[in-house]
């Protein structure tokens, strides 16, 4: 299956470079480009796209707001944020807006291609530990909560699912969670899937964001 990719960046040279890298892949095709968010939304109305590579700092409509508008639709393409600076506050906002992850613009081609394939398959492309560092840095932006999280959404989870959610937010992979809880990796994957379904989340990145927002996990990675 060919992955249909859209490039959204106001720098033509960057789009050209990304297009050349993707064009060399037998399973990828750049089907659209846009120089700002307004143009991107217009193009998406008429072209089917699987993955959007989204810049954050653009004229007219930035990548964060564009991502937010795209992700309102459950059937929308996955968005991979490209940022110039590691742990950029724009990347934090984009994750909250629905992006499936973020990468630096100077990422090696092999990592970019792997990220696109991961996003397309439904996985988060940012290692949870990297996302956690991002959230730790911008934790003051999150709403204050009491000692025990009381967010209504979390009441939908079983105790085991909450336990798994905490470990996901602390940066553990499915295999690491399985070892920690003495479960099979398949069972952990099932728990993660149920967490996503019950909470209406797109991927593990949003699990981490919600865990911080509700106070289930606090800055530094500890349980709330």
Foldseek 3Di string as FASTA:
>chain_A
DAAEEEEEALDPVLVVVLQVLQVVDPRYHDPYYYNALVVVVVVVVPDDHAEYEAEADGPPHGRLVSLLVQVVDVPGHAYEYEYQDQLDVSQVSNLVSAHLYYDYSPDPSVLVVVCSVQVSVQERSDQLCSLLVSCLVVLVVADDDDQDFDPPLCVLADPVLLVLLLVLLLRDDLVRVCVVVVHDSVVSVVSLVVSCVSNVGRYSSVSNVVCSNRQCAHRVSHGD
